[in-house]
């Protein structure tokens, strides 16, 4: 595997030609999808990868290959490089949290590579609370250890006792980041609202399913607004879960996702 490629894992299906690519959120890793692998691999070929500085790709970042300020375009290009390396021409993409922004950015860069999009805990706009939290983190990111800030974000995003597993996983994976990587990714937060405003003004032509926890108090309402304006997209709200709905209610997340992908393959 070339030194500049993101760390990735594949699971091959004996008969299916359909690929599903999983994109985790900031601070996470491919282990975020541990409750999806068994269900999805019964139907499709799977590709799981770790973004720059995350999980198995952390050692690549330390070599100095990724220089300068991170941009959504550059980080999205990393994903396309893995697809090219594996000769995957087209795939269904499943993302969580910040990973959903990367999938929307991939749609801008290479729409012909995307068969469908499933966006869980989707970030379509920072509301006031989220924007305030980002500004607060920006003020103190050079003064406080990044894990203090990350724990704060985790408890604000997932405050309920029922979300403790998701919150602990969120914090556990973030420990693999270093302070420098955290700062580089944190700077991307300033680009979220301008970028997502562009996507709201330019509706997608690719089949899109939003999967949102009904207790996702940060991001659900903006997704409702987008879905009300763009009738070609689908929104499924999942009861009794928060932001990381693929963990909180994995069975429902898997069922809705797999059914949606099968619907799209039947229409091809």
C-alpha atoms as a PDB file:
ATOM      1  CA  UNK A   1       0.000   0.000   0.000  1.00  0.00           C
ATOM      2  CA  UNK A   2       1.463   3.408  -0.954  1.00  0.00           C
ATOM      3  CA  UNK A   3       2.711   5.404   2.040  1.00  0.00           C
ATOM      4  CA  UNK A   4       0.396   8.346   1.297  1.00  0.00           C
ATOM      5  CA  UNK A   5      -2.819   6.313   1.284  1.00  0.00           C
ATOM      6  CA  UNK A   6      -5.199   6.402   4.217  1.00  0.00           C
ATOM      7  CA  UNK A   7      -5.372   3.276   6.354  1.00  0.00           C
ATOM      8  CA  UNK A   8      -8.293   1.174   5.140  1.00  0.00           C
ATOM      9  CA  UNK A   9      -9.945  -2.235   5.414  1.00  0.00           C
ATOM     10  CA  UNK A  10     -12.141  -4.084   2.945  1.00  0.00           C
ATOM     11  CA  UNK A  11     -14.687  -6.877   3.313  1.00  0.00           C
ATOM     12  CA  UNK A  12     -15.478  -8.674   0.079  1.00  0.00           C
ATOM     13  CA  UNK A  13     -18.886 -10.188  -0.668  1.00  0.00           C
ATOM     14  CA  UNK A  14     -18.856 -13.450  -2.660  1.00  0.00           C
ATOM     15  CA  UNK A  15     -21.406 -12.307  -5.261  1.00  0.00           C
ATOM     16  CA  UNK A  16     -22.337  -8.633  -4.890  1.00  0.00           C
ATOM     17  CA  UNK A  17     -20.772  -5.940  -7.075  1.00  0.00           C
ATOM     18  CA  UNK A  18     -22.040  -3.122  -4.853  1.00  0.00           C
ATOM     19  CA  UNK A  19     -19.584  -1.276  -2.633  1.00  0.00           C
ATOM     20  CA  UNK A  20     -20.440   0.635   0.555  1.00  0.00           C
ATOM     21  CA  UNK A  21     -17.878   3.138   1.842  1.00  0.00           C
ATOM     22  CA  UNK A  22     -18.031   4.230   5.501  1.00  0.00           C
ATOM     23  CA  UNK A  23     -16.765   7.683   6.521  1.00  0.00           C
ATOM     24  CA  UNK A  24     -16.413   8.399  10.253  1.00  0.00           C
ATOM     25  CA  UNK A  25     -16.569  11.792  11.959  1.00  0.00           C
ATOM     26  CA  UNK A  26     -13.901  14.044  13.468  1.00  0.00           C
ATOM     27  CA  UNK A  27     -12.048  12.329  16.294  1.00  0.00           C
ATOM     28  CA  UNK A  28     -13.441   8.907  15.369  1.00  0.00           C
ATOM     29  CA  UNK A  29     -12.076   6.031  13.329  1.00  0.00           C
ATOM     30  CA  UNK A  30     -13.266   3.065  11.312  1.00  0.00           C
ATOM     31  CA  UNK A  31     -14.031   1.337  14.622  1.00  0.00           C
ATOM     32  CA  UNK A  32     -17.056   3.666  14.815  1.00  0.00           C
ATOM     33  CA  UNK A  33     -18.768   1.196  12.483  1.00  0.00           C
ATOM     34  CA  UNK A  34     -18.319  -1.932  14.613  1.00  0.00           C
ATOM     35  CA  UNK A  35     -22.109  -2.373  14.836  1.00  0.00           C
ATOM     36  CA  UNK A  36     -22.575  -2.103  11.070  1.00  0.00           C
ATOM     37  CA  UNK A  37     -20.029  -4.534   9.647  1.00  0.00           C
ATOM     38  CA  UNK A  38     -21.838  -7.819  10.301  1.00  0.00           C
ATOM     39  CA  UNK A  39     -25.182  -6.611   8.906  1.00  0.00           C
ATOM     40  CA  UNK A  40     -23.809  -4.829   5.838  1.00  0.00           C
ATOM     41  CA  UNK A  41     -21.305  -7.460   4.760  1.00  0.00           C
ATOM     42  CA  UNK A  42     -24.166  -9.934   4.265  1.00  0.00           C
ATOM     43  CA  UNK A  43     -25.255  -7.820   1.294  1.00  0.00           C
ATOM     44  CA  UNK A  44     -22.358  -5.701  -0.007  1.00  0.00           C
ATOM     45  CA  UNK A  45     -18.623  -5.205  -0.355  1.00  0.00           C
ATOM     46  CA  UNK A  46     -17.403  -2.855   2.381  1.00  0.00           C
ATOM     47  CA  UNK A  47     -14.641  -0.262   2.575  1.00  0.00           C
ATOM     48  CA  UNK A  48     -13.792   1.314   5.938  1.00  0.00           C
ATOM     49  CA  UNK A  49     -11.075   3.922   6.232  1.00  0.00           C
ATOM     50  CA  UNK A  50      -9.452   6.207   8.795  1.00  0.00           C
ATOM     51  CA  UNK A  51      -9.197   9.897   7.941  1.00  0.00           C
ATOM     52  CA  UNK A  52      -5.988  11.905   8.270  1.00  0.00           C
ATOM     53  CA  UNK A  53      -4.578  11.767  11.780  1.00  0.00           C
ATOM     54  CA  UNK A  54      -7.232   9.286  12.931  1.00  0.00           C
ATOM     55  CA  UNK A  55      -6.970   5.615  13.884  1.00  0.00           C
ATOM     56  CA  UNK A  56      -4.602   3.698  11.637  1.00  0.00           C
ATOM     57  CA  UNK A  57      -3.865   6.806   9.559  1.00  0.00           C
ATOM     58  CA  UNK A  58      -2.302   8.643  12.518  1.00  0.00           C
ATOM     59  CA  UNK A  59       1.140   7.248  11.716  1.00  0.00           C
ATOM     60  CA  UNK A  60       0.841   8.498   8.118  1.00  0.00           C
ATOM     61  CA  UNK A  61       0.155  12.043   9.306  1.00  0.00           C
ATOM     62  CA  UNK A  62       3.227  11.933  11.545  1.00  0.00           C
ATOM     63  CA  UNK A  63       5.457  11.384   8.480  1.00  0.00           C
ATOM     64  CA  UNK A  64       4.708  14.934   7.354  1.00  0.00           C
ATOM     65  CA  UNK A  65       3.026  13.891   4.090  1.00  0.00           C
ATOM     66  CA  UNK A  66      -0.042  16.004   4.868  1.00  0.00           C
ATOM     67  CA  UNK A  67       1.256  19.564   5.088  1.00  0.00           C
ATOM     68  CA  UNK A  68      -0.395  22.956   5.413  1.00  0.00           C
ATOM     69  CA  UNK A  69      -3.927  23.792   6.471  1.00  0.00           C
ATOM     70  CA  UNK A  70      -6.466  21.007   6.088  1.00  0.00           C
ATOM     71  CA  UNK A  71      -9.379  21.701   3.735  1.00  0.00           C
ATOM     72  CA  UNK A  72     -12.521  19.707   3.052  1.00  0.00           C
ATOM     73  CA  UNK A  73     -11.393  19.358  -0.561  1.00  0.00           C
ATOM     74  CA  UNK A  74      -7.993  17.916   0.381  1.00  0.00           C
ATOM     75  CA  UNK A  75      -9.429  15.514   2.958  1.00  0.00           C
ATOM     76  CA  UNK A  76     -12.084  14.385   0.469  1.00  0.00           C
ATOM     77  CA  UNK A  77      -9.404  13.819  -2.157  1.00  0.00           C
ATOM     78  CA  UNK A  78      -7.733  11.374   0.255  1.00  0.00           C
ATOM     79  CA  UNK A  79     -10.873   9.221   0.040  1.00  0.00           C
ATOM     80  CA  UNK A  80     -10.900   9.307  -3.763  1.00  0.00           C
ATOM     81  CA  UNK A  81      -7.259   8.191  -3.777  1.00  0.00           C
ATOM     82  CA  UNK A  82      -8.225   5.058  -1.832  1.00  0.00           C
ATOM     83  CA  UNK A  83     -11.095   4.350  -4.246  1.00  0.00           C
ATOM     84  CA  UNK A  84      -8.708   4.699  -7.192  1.00  0.00           C
ATOM     85  CA  UNK A  85      -6.151   2.425  -5.535  1.00  0.00           C
ATOM     86  CA  UNK A  86      -8.819  -0.270  -5.075  1.00  0.00           C
ATOM     87  CA  UNK A  87     -10.337   0.318  -8.542  1.00  0.00           C
ATOM     88  CA  UNK A  88     -13.762   1.100  -7.034  1.00  0.00           C
ATOM     89  CA  UNK A  89     -15.476   3.149  -9.694  1.00  0.00           C
ATOM     90  CA  UNK A  90     -18.737   3.789  -7.888  1.00  0.00           C
ATOM     91  CA  UNK A  91     -20.097   3.185  -4.389  1.00  0.00           C
ATOM     92  CA  UNK A  92     -22.765   3.947  -1.826  1.00  0.00           C
ATOM     93  CA  UNK A  93     -21.461   6.219   0.931  1.00  0.00           C
ATOM     94  CA  UNK A  94     -22.441   6.074   4.595  1.00  0.00           C
ATOM     95  CA  UNK A  95     -21.210   8.844   6.881  1.00  0.00           C
ATOM     96  CA  UNK A  96     -21.568  10.088  10.432  1.00  0.00           C
ATOM     97  CA  UNK A  97     -21.308  13.641  11.738  1.00  0.00           C
ATOM     98  CA  UNK A  98     -18.437  15.477  10.022  1.00  0.00           C
ATOM     99  CA  UNK A  99     -18.107  12.504   7.674  1.00  0.00           C
ATOM    100  CA  UNK A 100     -21.425  13.573   6.132  1.00  0.00           C
ATOM    101  CA  UNK A 101     -19.855  16.875   5.059  1.00  0.00           C
ATOM    102  CA  UNK A 102     -17.031  14.991   3.367  1.00  0.00           C
ATOM    103  CA  UNK A 103     -19.560  12.904   1.439  1.00  0.00           C
ATOM    104  CA  UNK A 104     -21.356  16.051   0.268  1.00  0.00           C
ATOM    105  CA  UNK A 105     -17.983  17.427  -0.768  1.00  0.00           C
ATOM    106  CA  UNK A 106     -17.230  14.226  -2.689  1.00  0.00           C
ATOM    107  CA  UNK A 107     -20.490  14.837  -4.522  1.00  0.00           C
ATOM    108  CA  UNK A 108     -19.079  18.172  -5.690  1.00  0.00           C
ATOM    109  CA  UNK A 109     -15.715  16.697  -6.675  1.00  0.00           C
ATOM    110  CA  UNK A 110     -16.803  13.438  -8.315  1.00  0.00           C
ATOM    111  CA  UNK A 111     -20.583  12.866  -8.431  1.00  0.00           C
ATOM    112  CA  UNK A 112     -20.127  10.009 -10.889  1.00  0.00           C
ATOM    113  CA  UNK A 113     -18.474   7.974  -8.101  1.00  0.00           C
ATOM    114  CA  UNK A 114     -21.524   8.103  -5.799  1.00  0.00           C
ATOM    115  CA  UNK A 115     -24.524   5.783  -6.183  1.00  0.00           C
ATOM    116  CA  UNK A 116     -26.309   6.987  -3.038  1.00  0.00           C
ATOM    117  CA  UNK A 117     -25.636   8.822   0.218  1.00  0.00           C
ATOM    118  CA  UNK A 118     -26.720   7.874   3.743  1.00  0.00           C
ATOM    119  CA  UNK A 119     -25.935  10.680   6.161  1.00  0.00           C
ATOM    120  CA  UNK A 120     -26.240   9.833   9.862  1.00  0.00           C
ATOM    121  CA  UNK A 121     -26.112  12.560  12.503  1.00  0.00           C
ATOM    122  CA  UNK A 122     -25.775  14.860   9.504  1.00  0.00           C
ATOM    123  CA  UNK A 123     -24.217  18.296   9.873  1.00  0.00           C
ATOM    124  CA  UNK A 124     -26.034  20.726   7.566  1.00  0.00           C
ATOM    125  CA  UNK A 125     -25.595  23.882   9.655  1.00  0.00           C
ATOM    126  CA  UNK A 126     -24.202  24.926  13.012  1.00  0.00           C
ATOM    127  CA  UNK A 127     -26.986  26.267  15.211  1.00  0.00           C
ATOM    128  CA  UNK A 128     -26.299  28.976  17.800  1.00  0.00           C
ATOM    129  CA  UNK A 129     -25.246  26.540  20.522  1.00  0.00           C
ATOM    130  CA  UNK A 130     -22.902  24.662  18.247  1.00  0.00           C
ATOM    131  CA  UNK A 131     -21.409  27.853  16.806  1.00  0.00           C
ATOM    132  CA  UNK A 132     -20.852  29.177  20.349  1.00  0.00           C
ATOM    133  CA  UNK A 133     -19.146  25.923  21.329  1.00  0.00           C
ATOM    134  CA  UNK A 134     -16.856  26.147  18.295  1.00  0.00           C
ATOM    135  CA  UNK A 135     -15.949  29.766  19.110  1.00  0.00           C
ATOM    136  CA  UNK A 136     -15.256  28.788  22.707  1.00  0.00           C
ATOM    137  CA  UNK A 137     -13.011  25.951  21.579  1.00  0.00           C
ATOM    138  CA  UNK A 138     -11.220  28.266  19.154  1.00  0.00           C
ATOM    139  CA  UNK A 139     -10.450  30.688  21.991  1.00  0.00           C
ATOM    140  CA  UNK A 140      -8.953  28.020  24.246  1.00  0.00           C
ATOM    141  CA  UNK A 141      -7.470  25.480  21.826  1.00  0.00           C
ATOM    142  CA  UNK A 142      -3.937  26.779  22.407  1.00  0.00           C
ATOM    143  CA  UNK A 143      -4.356  26.978  26.183  1.00  0.00           C
ATOM    144  CA  UNK A 144      -6.100  23.737  27.152  1.00  0.00           C
ATOM    145  CA  UNK A 145      -5.252  20.101  26.418  1.00  0.00           C
ATOM    146  CA  UNK A 146      -7.396  19.095  23.455  1.00  0.00           C
ATOM    147  CA  UNK A 147      -8.962  16.196  25.371  1.00  0.00           C
ATOM    148  CA  UNK A 148     -10.504  18.638  27.827  1.00  0.00           C
ATOM    149  CA  UNK A 149     -12.217  20.363  24.920  1.00  0.00           C
ATOM    150  CA  UNK A 150     -13.159  17.086  23.306  1.00  0.00           C
ATOM    151  CA  UNK A 151     -14.767  15.774  26.485  1.00  0.00           C
ATOM    152  CA  UNK A 152     -16.738  19.010  26.724  1.00  0.00           C
ATOM    153  CA  UNK A 153     -17.950  18.599  23.130  1.00  0.00           C
ATOM    154  CA  UNK A 154     -18.858  14.970  23.810  1.00  0.00           C
ATOM    155  CA  UNK A 155     -21.015  15.834  26.819  1.00  0.00           C
ATOM    156  CA  UNK A 156     -22.720  18.735  25.019  1.00  0.00           C
ATOM    157  CA  UNK A 157     -23.468  16.620  21.942  1.00  0.00           C
ATOM    158  CA  UNK A 158     -24.489  13.506  23.882  1.00  0.00           C
ATOM    159  CA  UNK A 159     -25.640  14.572  27.344  1.00  0.00           C
ATOM    160  CA  UNK A 160     -28.064  11.741  28.194  1.00  0.00           C
ATOM    161  CA  UNK A 161     -27.249   8.629  30.186  1.00  0.00           C
ATOM    162  CA  UNK A 162     -28.613   6.488  27.339  1.00  0.00           C
ATOM    163  CA  UNK A 163     -25.915   7.997  25.077  1.00  0.00           C
ATOM    164  CA  UNK A 164     -23.036   7.006  27.376  1.00  0.00           C
ATOM    165  CA  UNK A 165     -21.731   4.260  25.045  1.00  0.00           C
ATOM    166  CA  UNK A 166     -21.571   6.653  22.088  1.00  0.00           C
ATOM    167  CA  UNK A 167     -19.999   9.336  24.262  1.00  0.00           C
ATOM    168  CA  UNK A 168     -17.344   6.977  25.612  1.00  0.00           C
ATOM    169  CA  UNK A 169     -16.487   5.719  22.125  1.00  0.00           C
ATOM    170  CA  UNK A 170     -16.272   9.321  20.954  1.00  0.00           C
ATOM    171  CA  UNK A 171     -13.790  10.137  23.719  1.00  0.00           C
ATOM    172  CA  UNK A 172     -11.830   6.881  23.392  1.00  0.00           C
ATOM    173  CA  UNK A 173     -11.094   7.356  19.686  1.00  0.00           C
ATOM    174  CA  UNK A 174     -10.220  11.023  20.168  1.00  0.00           C
ATOM    175  CA  UNK A 175      -7.382  10.017  22.511  1.00  0.00           C
ATOM    176  CA  UNK A 176      -5.536   8.672  19.462  1.00  0.00           C
ATOM    177  CA  UNK A 177      -5.312  12.185  18.021  1.00  0.00           C
ATOM    178  CA  UNK A 178      -2.434  14.441  18.984  1.00  0.00           C
ATOM    179  CA  UNK A 179      -2.822  18.124  19.921  1.00  0.00           C
ATOM    180  CA  UNK A 180      -1.487  19.246  16.532  1.00  0.00           C
ATOM    181  CA  UNK A 181      -3.958  17.089  14.609  1.00  0.00           C
ATOM    182  CA  UNK A 182      -6.836  18.267  16.767  1.00  0.00           C
ATOM    183  CA  UNK A 183      -6.028  21.903  15.957  1.00  0.00           C
ATOM    184  CA  UNK A 184      -5.784  21.205  12.226  1.00  0.00           C
ATOM    185  CA  UNK A 185      -9.161  19.488  12.177  1.00  0.00           C
ATOM    186  CA  UNK A 186     -10.713  22.053  14.489  1.00  0.00           C
ATOM    187  CA  UNK A 187      -9.921  24.829  12.006  1.00  0.00           C
ATOM    188  CA  UNK A 188     -12.184  23.076   9.500  1.00  0.00           C
ATOM    189  CA  UNK A 189     -15.163  23.986  11.702  1.00  0.00           C
ATOM    190  CA  UNK A 190     -14.962  27.554  10.435  1.00  0.00           C
ATOM    191  CA  UNK A 191     -15.667  26.313   6.903  1.00  0.00           C
ATOM    192  CA  UNK A 192     -18.794  24.319   7.759  1.00  0.00           C
ATOM    193  CA  UNK A 193     -21.538  26.958   7.543  1.00  0.00           C
ATOM    194  CA  UNK A 194     -20.328  28.608   4.290  1.00  0.00           C
ATOM    195  CA  UNK A 195     -19.860  25.212   2.638  1.00  0.00           C
ATOM    196  CA  UNK A 196     -23.209  23.820   3.745  1.00  0.00           C
ATOM    197  CA  UNK A 197     -24.982  27.025   2.690  1.00  0.00           C
ATOM    198  CA  UNK A 198     -23.699  26.333  -0.814  1.00  0.00           C
ATOM    199  CA  UNK A 199     -25.073  22.770  -0.699  1.00  0.00           C
ATOM    200  CA  UNK A 200     -28.458  23.968   0.538  1.00  0.00           C
ATOM    201  CA  UNK A 201     -28.661  26.303  -2.442  1.00  0.00           C
ATOM    202  CA  UNK A 202     -27.689  23.494  -4.837  1.00  0.00           C
ATOM    203  CA  UNK A 203     -29.982  20.494  -4.203  1.00  0.00           C
ATOM    204  CA  UNK A 204     -28.522  17.071  -4.822  1.00  0.00           C
ATOM    205  CA  UNK A 205     -29.528  14.836  -7.708  1.00  0.00           C
ATOM    206  CA  UNK A 206     -28.088  11.755  -5.979  1.00  0.00           C
ATOM    207  CA  UNK A 207     -30.391   9.620  -3.793  1.00  0.00           C
ATOM    208  CA  UNK A 208     -29.941  10.796  -0.199  1.00  0.00           C
ATOM    209  CA  UNK A 209     -31.220   9.445   3.097  1.00  0.00           C
ATOM    210  CA  UNK A 210     -30.780  11.362   6.342  1.00  0.00           C
ATOM    211  CA  UNK A 211     -30.779   9.182   9.466  1.00  0.00           C
ATOM    212  CA  UNK A 212     -31.111  11.290  12.601  1.00  0.00           C
ATOM    213  CA  UNK A 213     -31.616  10.525  16.265  1.00  0.00           C
ATOM    214  CA  UNK A 214     -34.733  12.194  17.622  1.00  0.00           C
ATOM    215  CA  UNK A 215     -32.617  13.446  20.564  1.00  0.00           C
ATOM    216  CA  UNK A 216     -29.912  15.001  18.382  1.00  0.00           C
ATOM    217  CA  UNK A 217     -30.579  18.482  19.755  1.00  0.00           C
ATOM    218  CA  UNK A 218     -27.676  20.057  17.841  1.00  0.00           C
ATOM    219  CA  UNK A 219     -28.298  18.930  14.278  1.00  0.00           C
ATOM    220  CA  UNK A 220     -31.799  17.493  13.848  1.00  0.00           C
ATOM    221  CA  UNK A 221     -33.703  20.746  13.347  1.00  0.00           C
ATOM    222  CA  UNK A 222     -31.438  22.039  10.533  1.00  0.00           C
ATOM    223  CA  UNK A 223     -31.836  18.676   8.762  1.00  0.00           C
ATOM    224  CA  UNK A 224     -35.608  18.934   9.090  1.00  0.00           C
ATOM    225  CA  UNK A 225     -35.432  22.355   7.431  1.00  0.00           C
ATOM    226  CA  UNK A 226     -33.332  21.065   4.540  1.00  0.00           C
ATOM    227  CA  UNK A 227     -35.569  18.024   4.035  1.00  0.00           C
ATOM    228  CA  UNK A 228     -38.690  20.204   3.951  1.00  0.00           C
ATOM    229  CA  UNK A 229     -37.180  22.268   1.131  1.00  0.00           C
ATOM    230  CA  UNK A 230     -35.651  19.413  -0.869  1.00  0.00           C
ATOM    231  CA  UNK A 231     -38.364  16.870  -1.500  1.00  0.00           C
ATOM    232  CA  UNK A 232     -36.083  14.468  -3.355  1.00  0.00           C
ATOM    233  CA  UNK A 233     -34.257  13.583  -0.127  1.00  0.00           C
ATOM    234  CA  UNK A 234     -35.571  11.312   2.622  1.00  0.00           C
ATOM    235  CA  UNK A 235     -35.400  11.874   6.374  1.00  0.00           C
ATOM    236  CA  UNK A 236     -35.813   9.063   8.882  1.00  0.00           C
ATOM    237  CA  UNK A 237     -35.829  10.059  12.541  1.00  0.00           C
ATOM    238  CA  UNK A 238     -34.842   7.263  14.907  1.00  0.00           C
ATOM    239  CA  UNK A 239     -36.474   7.128  18.329  1.00  0.00           C
ATOM    240  CA  UNK A 240     -34.570   6.956  21.606  1.00  0.00           C
ATOM    241  CA  UNK A 241     -31.135   7.972  20.332  1.00  0.00           C
ATOM    242  CA  UNK A 242     -28.942  11.002  19.889  1.00  0.00           C
ATOM    243  CA  UNK A 243     -26.237  12.223  17.551  1.00  0.00           C
ATOM    244  CA  UNK A 244     -24.376   8.932  17.028  1.00  0.00           C
ATOM    245  CA  UNK A 245     -27.430   6.995  15.894  1.00  0.00           C
ATOM    246  CA  UNK A 246     -25.432   4.187  14.279  1.00  0.00           C
ATOM    247  CA  UNK A 247     -24.370   3.157  17.795  1.00  0.00           C
ATOM    248  CA  UNK A 248     -27.393   4.159  19.892  1.00  0.00           C
ATOM    249  CA  UNK A 249     -29.864   2.312  17.644  1.00  0.00           C
ATOM    250  CA  UNK A 250     -27.635   0.196  15.418  1.00  0.00           C
ATOM    251  CA  UNK A 251     -30.355  -2.277  14.408  1.00  0.00           C
ATOM    252  CA  UNK A 252     -32.655   0.423  13.027  1.00  0.00           C
ATOM    253  CA  UNK A 253     -29.771   2.320  11.464  1.00  0.00           C
ATOM    254  CA  UNK A 254     -28.661  -0.836   9.648  1.00  0.00           C
ATOM    255  CA  UNK A 255     -32.176  -1.766   8.530  1.00  0.00           C
ATOM    256  CA  UNK A 256     -33.037   1.656   7.116  1.00  0.00           C
ATOM    257  CA  UNK A 257     -29.658   1.962   5.414  1.00  0.00           C
ATOM    258  CA  UNK A 258     -29.630  -1.467   3.801  1.00  0.00           C
ATOM    259  CA  UNK A 259     -33.224  -1.115   2.609  1.00  0.00           C
ATOM    260  CA  UNK A 260     -32.398   2.266   1.085  1.00  0.00           C
ATOM    261  CA  UNK A 261     -29.353   0.900  -0.765  1.00  0.00           C
ATOM    262  CA  UNK A 262     -31.353  -2.043  -2.100  1.00  0.00           C
ATOM    263  CA  UNK A 263     -34.001   0.389  -3.378  1.00  0.00           C
ATOM    264  CA  UNK A 264     -31.347   2.312  -5.292  1.00  0.00           C
ATOM    265  CA  UNK A 265     -29.755  -0.788  -6.816  1.00  0.00           C
ATOM    266  CA  UNK A 266     -33.163  -1.905  -8.090  1.00  0.00           C
ATOM    267  CA  UNK A 267     -33.567   1.433  -9.885  1.00  0.00           C
ATOM    268  CA  UNK A 268     -30.179   1.303 -11.589  1.00  0.00           C
END
